[in-house]
């Protein structure tokens, strides 16, 4: 696993500027979609206990 992580890092460090910028924008988009999804789930679960809402919103964030 460590070898694979090193290989991936070396590969990504060799990318041109445009590819790096596109990957950065996509990463931000995926994080924001997950946050929006988690917020929507949390707002929709207003009648549930606090811990259940937190659990569901955390799970929904990772499903994006």
N, C-alpha and C. Protein backbone atom coordinates (compact mmCIF):
# COMPACT_ATOMS: atom_id res chain seq x y z
N UNK A 1 0.83 -1.18 0.00
CA UNK A 1 0.00 0.00 0.00
C UNK A 1 0.87 1.25 0.00
N UNK A 2 1.93 1.23 0.77
CA UNK A 2 2.81 2.40 0.80
C UNK A 2 3.47 2.62 -0.56
N UNK A 3 3.85 1.54 -1.21
CA UNK A 3 4.47 1.66 -2.53
C UNK A 3 3.49 2.25 -3.53
N UNK A 4 2.26 1.80 -3.45
CA UNK A 4 1.24 2.33 -4.37
C UNK A 4 0.99 3.81 -4.11
N UNK A 5 0.97 4.22 -2.84
CA UNK A 5 0.78 5.63 -2.51
C UNK A 5 1.94 6.47 -3.03
N UNK A 6 3.15 5.95 -2.93
CA UNK A 6 4.32 6.67 -3.44
C UNK A 6 4.23 6.81 -4.96
N UNK A 7 3.86 5.73 -5.63
CA UNK A 7 3.74 5.77 -7.09
C UNK A 7 2.68 6.77 -7.54
N UNK A 8 1.57 6.80 -6.83
CA UNK A 8 0.50 7.75 -7.16
C UNK A 8 0.97 9.18 -6.94
N UNK A 9 1.68 9.42 -5.85
CA UNK A 9 2.19 10.76 -5.57
C UNK A 9 3.19 11.23 -6.61
N UNK A 10 4.06 10.33 -7.04
CA UNK A 10 5.03 10.68 -8.07
C UNK A 10 4.32 10.98 -9.38
N UNK A 11 3.31 10.18 -9.69
CA UNK A 11 2.54 10.40 -10.93
C UNK A 11 1.83 11.75 -10.90
N UNK A 12 1.21 12.08 -9.76
CA UNK A 12 0.48 13.35 -9.65
C UNK A 12 1.43 14.55 -9.64
N UNK A 13 2.62 14.37 -9.10
CA UNK A 13 3.56 15.50 -9.07
C UNK A 13 4.08 15.83 -10.47
N UNK A 14 3.95 14.90 -11.39
CA UNK A 14 4.39 15.15 -12.75
C UNK A 14 3.32 15.71 -13.67
N UNK A 15 2.13 15.95 -13.15
CA UNK A 15 1.05 16.50 -13.97
C UNK A 15 1.31 17.95 -14.34
N UNK A 16 0.78 18.35 -15.48
CA UNK A 16 0.92 19.75 -15.88
C UNK A 16 -0.02 20.62 -15.06
N UNK A 17 0.15 21.92 -15.18
CA UNK A 17 -0.60 22.87 -14.36
C UNK A 17 -2.10 22.80 -14.62
N UNK A 18 -2.50 22.66 -15.86
CA UNK A 18 -3.92 22.64 -16.20
C UNK A 18 -4.60 21.41 -15.59
N UNK A 19 -3.96 20.25 -15.68
CA UNK A 19 -4.54 19.03 -15.10
C UNK A 19 -4.65 19.14 -13.59
N UNK A 20 -3.64 19.72 -12.95
CA UNK A 20 -3.68 19.90 -11.51
C UNK A 20 -4.80 20.84 -11.10
N UNK A 21 -4.98 21.91 -11.85
CA UNK A 21 -6.05 22.87 -11.57
C UNK A 21 -7.42 22.22 -11.74
N UNK A 22 -7.59 21.44 -12.79
CA UNK A 22 -8.87 20.76 -13.02
C UNK A 22 -9.16 19.77 -11.90
N UNK A 23 -8.16 19.00 -11.48
CA UNK A 23 -8.36 18.06 -10.39
C UNK A 23 -8.68 18.77 -9.08
N UNK A 24 -8.07 19.93 -8.85
CA UNK A 24 -8.35 20.69 -7.63
C UNK A 24 -9.79 21.21 -7.64
N UNK A 25 -10.24 21.70 -8.78
CA UNK A 25 -11.62 22.20 -8.88
C UNK A 25 -12.62 21.06 -8.69
N UNK A 26 -12.35 19.91 -9.29
CA UNK A 26 -13.23 18.76 -9.11
C UNK A 26 -13.26 18.28 -7.66
N UNK A 27 -12.11 18.29 -7.00
CA UNK A 27 -12.08 17.88 -5.59
C UNK A 27 -12.94 18.82 -4.74
N UNK A 28 -12.84 20.11 -4.99
CA UNK A 28 -13.67 21.07 -4.26
C UNK A 28 -15.15 20.88 -4.54
N UNK A 29 -15.48 20.56 -5.79
CA UNK A 29 -16.87 20.33 -6.15
C UNK A 29 -17.44 19.11 -5.43
N UNK A 30 -16.65 18.05 -5.37
CA UNK A 30 -17.12 16.84 -4.68
C UNK A 30 -17.29 17.07 -3.19
N UNK A 31 -16.39 17.80 -2.57
CA UNK A 31 -16.51 18.11 -1.14
C UNK A 31 -17.75 18.97 -0.90
N UNK A 32 -17.98 19.96 -1.75
CA UNK A 32 -19.15 20.83 -1.54
C UNK A 32 -20.45 20.08 -1.77
N UNK A 33 -20.49 19.17 -2.73
CA UNK A 33 -21.71 18.38 -2.94
C UNK A 33 -21.98 17.48 -1.73
N UNK A 34 -20.94 16.90 -1.16
CA UNK A 34 -21.11 16.10 0.04
C UNK A 34 -21.62 16.93 1.21
N UNK A 35 -21.09 18.14 1.35
CA UNK A 35 -21.54 19.02 2.43
C UNK A 35 -22.99 19.43 2.25
N UNK A 36 -23.38 19.72 1.02
CA UNK A 36 -24.78 20.09 0.76
C UNK A 36 -25.70 18.91 1.05
N UNK A 37 -25.29 17.72 0.65
CA UNK A 37 -26.09 16.52 0.90
C UNK A 37 -26.23 16.27 2.40
N UNK A 38 -25.13 16.40 3.14
CA UNK A 38 -25.18 16.19 4.59
C UNK A 38 -26.05 17.24 5.27
N UNK A 39 -25.98 18.47 4.81
CA UNK A 39 -26.81 19.53 5.39
C UNK A 39 -28.29 19.29 5.11
N UNK A 40 -28.59 18.83 3.92
CA UNK A 40 -29.97 18.53 3.56
C UNK A 40 -30.52 17.40 4.43
N UNK A 41 -29.72 16.36 4.64
CA UNK A 41 -30.15 15.26 5.49
C UNK A 41 -30.35 15.72 6.92
N UNK A 42 -29.43 16.55 7.42
CA UNK A 42 -29.54 17.05 8.79
C UNK A 42 -30.78 17.93 8.97
N UNK A 43 -31.08 18.75 7.98
CA UNK A 43 -32.26 19.61 8.07
C UNK A 43 -33.55 18.80 7.97
N UNK A 44 -33.53 17.74 7.18
CA UNK A 44 -34.72 16.90 7.02
C UNK A 44 -34.98 16.00 8.21
N UNK A 45 -33.97 15.77 9.02
CA UNK A 45 -34.14 14.88 10.18
C UNK A 45 -34.37 15.64 11.47
N UNK A 46 -35.04 16.76 11.40
CA UNK A 46 -35.24 17.61 12.57
C UNK A 46 -36.02 16.91 13.68
N UNK A 47 -36.86 15.97 13.34
CA UNK A 47 -37.66 15.29 14.35
C UNK A 47 -36.95 14.11 15.00
N UNK A 48 -35.78 13.76 14.51
CA UNK A 48 -35.03 12.62 15.05
C UNK A 48 -34.13 13.06 16.20
N UNK A 49 -33.69 12.12 17.02
CA UNK A 49 -32.74 12.48 18.08
C UNK A 49 -31.43 13.02 17.50
N UNK A 50 -30.74 13.84 18.28
CA UNK A 50 -29.53 14.54 17.83
C UNK A 50 -28.48 13.56 17.30
N UNK A 51 -28.20 12.50 18.02
CA UNK A 51 -27.16 11.55 17.62
C UNK A 51 -27.48 10.85 16.31
N UNK A 52 -28.72 10.54 16.11
CA UNK A 52 -29.14 9.87 14.87
C UNK A 52 -28.97 10.81 13.68
N UNK A 53 -29.34 12.07 13.87
CA UNK A 53 -29.19 13.05 12.79
C UNK A 53 -27.72 13.22 12.44
N UNK A 54 -26.86 13.29 13.45
CA UNK A 54 -25.42 13.44 13.19
C UNK A 54 -24.87 12.21 12.47
N UNK A 55 -25.30 11.04 12.86
CA UNK A 55 -24.85 9.81 12.22
C UNK A 55 -25.30 9.77 10.76
N UNK A 56 -26.55 10.07 10.51
CA UNK A 56 -27.08 10.05 9.15
C UNK A 56 -26.42 11.11 8.26
N UNK A 57 -26.18 12.29 8.82
CA UNK A 57 -25.53 13.32 8.00
C UNK A 57 -24.09 12.96 7.71
N UNK A 58 -23.41 12.33 8.64
CA UNK A 58 -22.04 11.88 8.39
C UNK A 58 -21.98 10.78 7.35
N UNK A 59 -22.93 9.86 7.43
CA UNK A 59 -22.97 8.80 6.43
C UNK A 59 -23.31 9.35 5.05
N UNK A 60 -24.22 10.30 4.99
CA UNK A 60 -24.60 10.86 3.70
C UNK A 60 -23.46 11.65 3.09
N UNK A 61 -22.64 12.29 3.91
CA UNK A 61 -21.48 13.02 3.40
C UNK A 61 -20.51 12.09 2.67
N UNK A 62 -20.35 10.89 3.19
CA UNK A 62 -19.40 9.95 2.59
C UNK A 62 -19.97 9.26 1.36
N UNK A 63 -21.28 9.31 1.15
CA UNK A 63 -21.89 8.63 0.02
C UNK A 63 -21.78 9.41 -1.27
N UNK A 64 -21.39 10.66 -1.18
CA UNK A 64 -21.31 11.48 -2.40
C UNK A 64 -20.27 10.99 -3.35
